[in-house]
Amino acid sequence: MMIQKSQVAQRFAKAHQSYDAHALVQKQIYQHLMQLMQQHLPAKQLGKALEVGCGSGGLTRELLLNFQINQLFLNDLYSEVQQHISASEYPETQMNWLIGDIEAQPLPQHLDLALSSSALQWINDLNALLQRIHQVLNPQAYLCFSTFGPQNLQEIKALTGQGLHYQTLPEIQALLSEAGFEVLHLSESLETLRFDHPKAVLQHLKATGVTATSSRHRWTKQSLTQFYQDYQQFSQLDDAGLPQYALSYHPIYCIARRRL
């Protein structure tokens, strides 16, 4: 199934004000990705960098806090993201915006770094994008990203049939190797959020824009009631004897380098 980028842009644009307050796992993910970058990237001063799917700018700010970037290209699907990053805060970095679908955008040339966090799962043809990024990276330049694996939001997919097709860690490794990258780090983890009620799960997803996958799914009073009942299978009691409802995230982390 092809991902409709216009729908993705619309949902995330609606959620962009609430995203930071609710995207707790995504924050942990980009902070961990930055720790991995600090471990594997020897140079802290880089010429040109591209961030795919910059969103509300969490990873962007971490990048500019820990690395000196001369020229930074920031991409996302919707123009509202531009209000989250002020160029005046980073006078040493020349900011450039690439608003639109990265799969249809010409990429900047001679990059020292391409990075992305919690965005590449929205790419229809990851193989093609990785090969294009490889072409515009300088020799020995870096590709650093997080994305999500097959267990991501597994509870929602089990109950509604709605969800993205996520690639496994071995599949991502194969794509990277085929595109000409040396993989320096590749890992995955499973993170679980817990909520007081299944309704809070849906509210969390809406606040983070993740409902972009369910454009054809229309809730009725009856289907919501059924969803709440079915979600009991993903609950367990806390120390006070109250039910807590799980929602899974399955981040995958990668640090790769373009071969000579």
Protein backbone atom coordinates (compact mmCIF):
# COMPACT_ATOMS: atom_id res chain seq x y z
CA MET A 1 0.00 0.00 0.00
CA MET A 2 1.40 3.37 -1.04
CA ILE A 3 1.56 5.98 1.71
CA GLN A 4 -0.43 9.10 0.75
CA LYS A 5 2.00 11.88 1.70
CA SER A 6 -0.65 14.60 1.47
CA GLN A 7 -2.65 12.86 4.20
CA VAL A 8 0.47 12.37 6.31
CA ALA A 9 1.31 16.07 5.96
CA GLN A 10 -2.24 17.07 6.89
CA ARG A 11 -2.34 14.93 10.05
CA PHE A 12 1.09 16.02 11.27
CA ALA A 13 0.32 19.66 10.53
CA LYS A 14 -2.78 19.37 12.76
CA ALA A 15 -0.72 17.74 15.52
CA HIS A 16 2.39 19.91 15.35
CA GLN A 17 1.44 22.07 18.37
CA SER A 18 0.67 19.06 20.58
CA TYR A 19 3.47 16.83 19.30
CA ASP A 20 6.27 17.71 21.72
CA ALA A 21 4.10 17.30 24.83
CA HIS A 22 2.97 13.81 23.81
CA ALA A 23 5.85 12.38 21.74
CA LEU A 24 7.74 11.13 24.79
CA VAL A 25 9.13 8.01 23.13
CA GLN A 26 10.18 9.96 20.04
CA LYS A 27 12.14 12.33 22.30
CA GLN A 28 13.94 9.41 23.97
CA ILE A 29 14.69 8.03 20.52
CA TYR A 30 16.31 11.14 19.06
CA GLN A 31 18.29 11.68 22.26
CA HIS A 32 19.62 8.12 22.05
CA LEU A 33 20.39 8.58 18.35
CA MET A 34 22.42 11.67 19.22
CA GLN A 35 24.38 9.70 21.84
CA LEU A 36 25.23 7.13 19.17
CA MET A 37 26.31 9.88 16.78
CA GLN A 38 28.60 11.35 19.43
CA GLN A 39 30.19 7.92 19.88
CA HIS A 40 30.71 7.17 16.19
CA LEU A 41 31.32 10.50 14.45
CA PRO A 42 34.89 11.62 15.06
CA ALA A 43 34.51 15.17 13.75
CA LYS A 44 32.31 17.62 15.63
CA GLN A 45 32.54 20.22 12.86
CA LEU A 46 30.76 19.37 9.62
CA GLY A 47 30.25 21.29 6.41
CA LYS A 48 26.84 20.35 5.04
CA ALA A 49 24.09 18.26 6.60
CA LEU A 50 20.57 17.18 5.63
CA GLU A 51 17.83 16.24 8.09
CA VAL A 52 14.89 14.29 6.66
CA GLY A 53 11.60 14.81 8.53
CA CYS A 54 12.72 17.46 11.02
CA GLY A 55 9.22 17.86 12.52
CA SER A 56 9.16 20.03 15.63
CA GLY A 57 12.94 20.29 15.65
CA GLY A 58 13.94 18.07 18.56
CA LEU A 59 16.74 16.27 16.73
CA THR A 60 17.71 19.51 14.97
CA ARG A 61 18.37 21.26 18.27
CA GLU A 62 20.31 18.26 19.61
CA LEU A 63 22.41 18.27 16.44
CA LEU A 64 23.24 21.98 16.66
CA LEU A 65 23.99 21.66 20.37
CA ASN A 66 26.51 18.87 19.85
CA PHE A 67 27.93 19.51 16.37
CA GLN A 68 29.03 22.60 14.51
CA ILE A 69 27.27 22.60 11.14
CA ASN A 70 28.12 25.19 8.49
CA GLN A 71 25.09 24.57 6.28
CA LEU A 72 21.97 22.65 7.32
CA PHE A 73 19.16 21.56 5.01
CA LEU A 74 15.90 20.83 6.87
CA ASN A 75 13.18 18.78 5.20
CA ASP A 76 9.59 18.02 6.10
CA LEU A 77 6.26 17.60 4.34
CA TYR A 78 4.51 20.68 5.72
CA SER A 79 5.59 24.32 6.05
CA GLU A 80 4.45 24.75 9.67
CA VAL A 81 7.69 23.10 10.81
CA GLN A 82 9.56 26.30 10.00
CA GLN A 83 8.18 28.03 13.09
CA HIS A 84 9.93 25.54 15.40
CA ILE A 85 13.51 26.44 14.43
CA SER A 86 14.74 30.01 14.51
CA ALA A 87 17.78 30.66 12.34
CA SER A 88 18.70 33.61 14.58
CA GLU A 89 19.39 31.17 17.43
CA TYR A 90 22.13 29.52 15.37
CA PRO A 91 24.00 32.34 13.58
CA GLU A 92 26.96 30.07 12.76
CA THR A 93 24.73 27.75 10.70
CA GLN A 94 23.17 28.62 7.36
CA MET A 95 19.62 27.22 7.39
CA ASN A 96 17.93 25.98 4.23
CA TRP A 97 14.36 24.62 4.05
CA LEU A 98 13.31 21.76 1.76
CA ILE A 99 9.54 21.59 2.23
CA GLY A 100 7.87 18.69 0.46
CA ASP A 101 8.16 14.96 -0.11
CA ILE A 102 11.86 14.04 0.15
CA GLU A 103 11.27 11.22 -2.34
CA ALA A 104 10.43 13.84 -4.99
CA GLN A 105 12.94 16.53 -3.95
CA PRO A 106 16.37 17.10 -5.50
CA LEU A 107 18.88 16.48 -2.73
CA PRO A 108 21.70 18.87 -1.84
CA GLN A 109 25.11 17.71 -3.05
CA HIS A 110 28.38 16.99 -1.21
CA LEU A 111 26.89 16.27 2.20
CA ASP A 112 28.98 15.33 5.23
CA LEU A 113 25.93 14.03 7.11
CA ALA A 114 22.37 12.89 6.45
CA LEU A 115 20.20 12.20 9.49
CA SER A 116 16.62 11.46 10.43
CA SER A 117 14.64 10.39 13.48
CA SER A 118 11.23 8.68 13.52
CA ALA A 119 10.47 9.64 9.90
CA LEU A 120 11.80 7.07 7.42
CA GLN A 121 8.89 4.70 8.11
CA TRP A 122 6.81 7.11 5.98
CA ILE A 123 9.04 6.55 2.92
CA ASN A 124 7.42 4.51 0.14
CA ASP A 125 10.70 3.37 -1.45
CA LEU A 126 13.42 3.36 1.21
CA ASN A 127 15.80 1.50 -1.08
CA ALA A 128 15.68 4.27 -3.69
CA LEU A 129 16.06 7.02 -1.08
CA LEU A 130 19.09 5.33 0.52
CA GLN A 131 20.75 5.05 -2.88
CA ARG A 132 20.05 8.72 -3.64
CA ILE A 133 21.45 9.77 -0.27
CA HIS A 134 24.54 7.64 -0.92
CA GLN A 135 25.09 9.51 -4.19
CA VAL A 136 25.08 12.95 -2.54
CA LEU A 137 27.22 12.07 0.48
CA ASN A 138 30.93 12.74 0.39
CA PRO A 139 33.18 9.68 0.65
CA GLN A 140 33.28 8.47 4.28
CA ALA A 141 30.35 10.76 5.15
CA TYR A 142 27.67 9.53 7.56
CA LEU A 143 24.02 8.46 7.47
CA CYS A 144 22.46 8.36 10.95
CA PHE A 145 18.83 7.57 11.59
CA SER A 146 16.16 5.97 13.71
CA THR A 147 13.05 4.37 12.29
CA PHE A 148 10.54 1.79 13.52
CA GLY A 149 10.32 -2.00 13.25
CA PRO A 150 7.41 -4.45 12.83
CA GLN A 151 6.31 -4.47 16.49
CA ASN A 152 5.61 -0.73 16.40
CA LEU A 153 2.06 0.07 17.56
CA GLN A 154 1.32 -3.64 17.30
CA GLU A 155 -1.72 -3.36 19.55
CA ILE A 156 -3.43 -0.92 17.18
CA LYS A 157 -2.70 -3.05 14.14
CA ALA A 158 -3.98 -6.18 15.86
CA LEU A 159 -7.32 -4.56 16.71
CA THR A 160 -7.95 -2.32 13.67
CA GLY A 161 -5.85 -3.77 10.87
CA GLN A 162 -4.46 -0.24 10.39
CA GLY A 163 -0.74 0.45 10.32
CA LEU A 164 2.37 0.86 8.23
CA HIS A 165 4.47 -1.92 6.76
CA TYR A 166 7.65 -1.78 8.83
CA GLN A 167 10.93 -3.32 7.71
CA THR A 168 12.90 -5.59 10.00
CA LEU A 169 16.41 -4.86 11.22
CA PRO A 170 17.95 -7.48 8.84
CA GLU A 171 15.99 -5.99 5.92
CA ILE A 172 17.31 -2.51 6.73
CA GLN A 173 20.85 -3.88 7.02
CA ALA A 174 20.52 -5.49 3.58
CA LEU A 175 19.24 -2.24 2.03
CA LEU A 176 22.14 -0.27 3.52
CA SER A 177 24.72 -2.75 2.25
CA GLU A 178 23.13 -2.78 -1.21
CA ALA A 179 23.18 1.02 -1.32
CA GLY A 180 26.91 1.10 -0.56
CA PHE A 181 27.01 1.84 3.16
CA GLU A 182 29.25 0.42 5.87
CA VAL A 183 27.06 -0.18 8.93
CA LEU A 184 28.84 0.95 12.10
CA HIS A 185 25.91 0.45 14.48
CA LEU A 186 22.50 -1.18 14.11
CA SER A 187 20.27 -1.96 17.07
CA GLU A 188 16.64 -2.17 18.12
CA SER A 189 14.60 -1.99 21.30
CA LEU A 190 10.99 -2.25 22.42
CA GLU A 191 9.53 0.63 24.43
CA THR A 192 6.10 0.47 26.08
CA LEU A 193 3.87 3.35 27.11
CA ARG A 194 0.99 2.66 29.51
CA PHE A 195 -2.31 4.50 29.68
CA ASP A 196 -5.28 4.54 32.06
CA HIS A 197 -7.84 3.84 29.33
CA PRO A 198 -7.84 2.82 25.63
CA LYS A 199 -9.36 6.23 24.86
CA ALA A 200 -6.13 7.80 26.14
CA VAL A 201 -4.19 5.60 23.70
CA LEU A 202 -6.16 7.05 20.78
CA GLN A 203 -5.76 10.59 22.11
CA HIS A 204 -2.00 10.05 22.35
CA LEU A 205 -1.84 8.83 18.75
CA LYS A 206 -3.88 11.78 17.50
CA ALA A 207 -1.69 14.26 19.41
CA THR A 208 1.44 12.84 17.77
CA GLY A 209 -0.01 12.69 14.24
CA VAL A 210 0.23 8.92 13.98
CA THR A 211 -3.39 8.62 12.85
CA ALA A 212 -2.02 9.50 9.40
CA THR A 213 -2.18 5.77 8.63
CA SER A 214 -5.88 5.41 9.24
CA SER A 215 -7.55 7.75 6.77
CA ARG A 216 -10.13 5.11 5.81
CA HIS A 217 -10.88 4.13 9.39
CA ARG A 218 -13.99 5.82 10.73
CA TRP A 219 -14.89 5.39 14.37
CA THR A 220 -18.50 4.89 15.39
CA LYS A 221 -19.87 4.66 18.91
CA GLN A 222 -20.20 0.92 18.42
CA SER A 223 -16.71 0.38 17.00
CA LEU A 224 -15.15 2.51 19.75
CA THR A 225 -16.93 0.49 22.42
CA GLN A 226 -15.71 -2.71 20.77
CA PHE A 227 -12.16 -1.31 20.55
CA TYR A 228 -12.17 -0.45 24.25
CA GLN A 229 -13.37 -3.94 25.10
CA ASP A 230 -10.86 -5.66 22.83
CA TYR A 231 -7.99 -3.58 24.25
CA GLN A 232 -8.45 -5.34 27.59
CA GLN A 233 -6.16 -8.09 26.28
CA PHE A 234 -3.27 -5.56 26.33
CA SER A 235 -3.88 -4.44 29.91
CA GLN A 236 -2.37 -5.37 33.22
CA LEU A 237 -2.96 -4.15 36.76
CA ASP A 238 -0.62 -1.65 38.37
CA ASP A 239 0.41 -1.70 42.04
CA ALA A 240 -2.87 -0.06 43.01
CA GLY A 241 -4.87 -2.71 41.19
CA LEU A 242 -5.88 -0.36 38.38
CA PRO A 243 -5.66 -1.43 34.72
CA GLN A 244 -2.89 0.00 32.55
CA TYR A 245 -3.13 -0.28 28.76
CA ALA A 246 0.07 -0.88 26.80
CA LEU A 247 1.18 0.72 23.54
CA SER A 248 4.38 -0.56 21.95
CA TYR A 249 7.09 1.34 20.11
CA HIS A 250 9.85 -0.53 18.27
CA PRO A 251 12.73 1.84 17.45
CA ILE A 252 15.63 0.81 15.21
CA TYR A 253 18.87 2.83 15.32
CA CYS A 254 21.49 3.06 12.60
CA ILE A 255 24.88 4.71 12.20
CA ALA A 256 26.30 4.08 8.72
CA ARG A 257 29.11 5.49 6.62
CA ARG A 258 29.42 5.81 2.88
CA ARG A 259 32.15 3.55 1.56
CA LEU A 260 34.88 5.10 -0.56
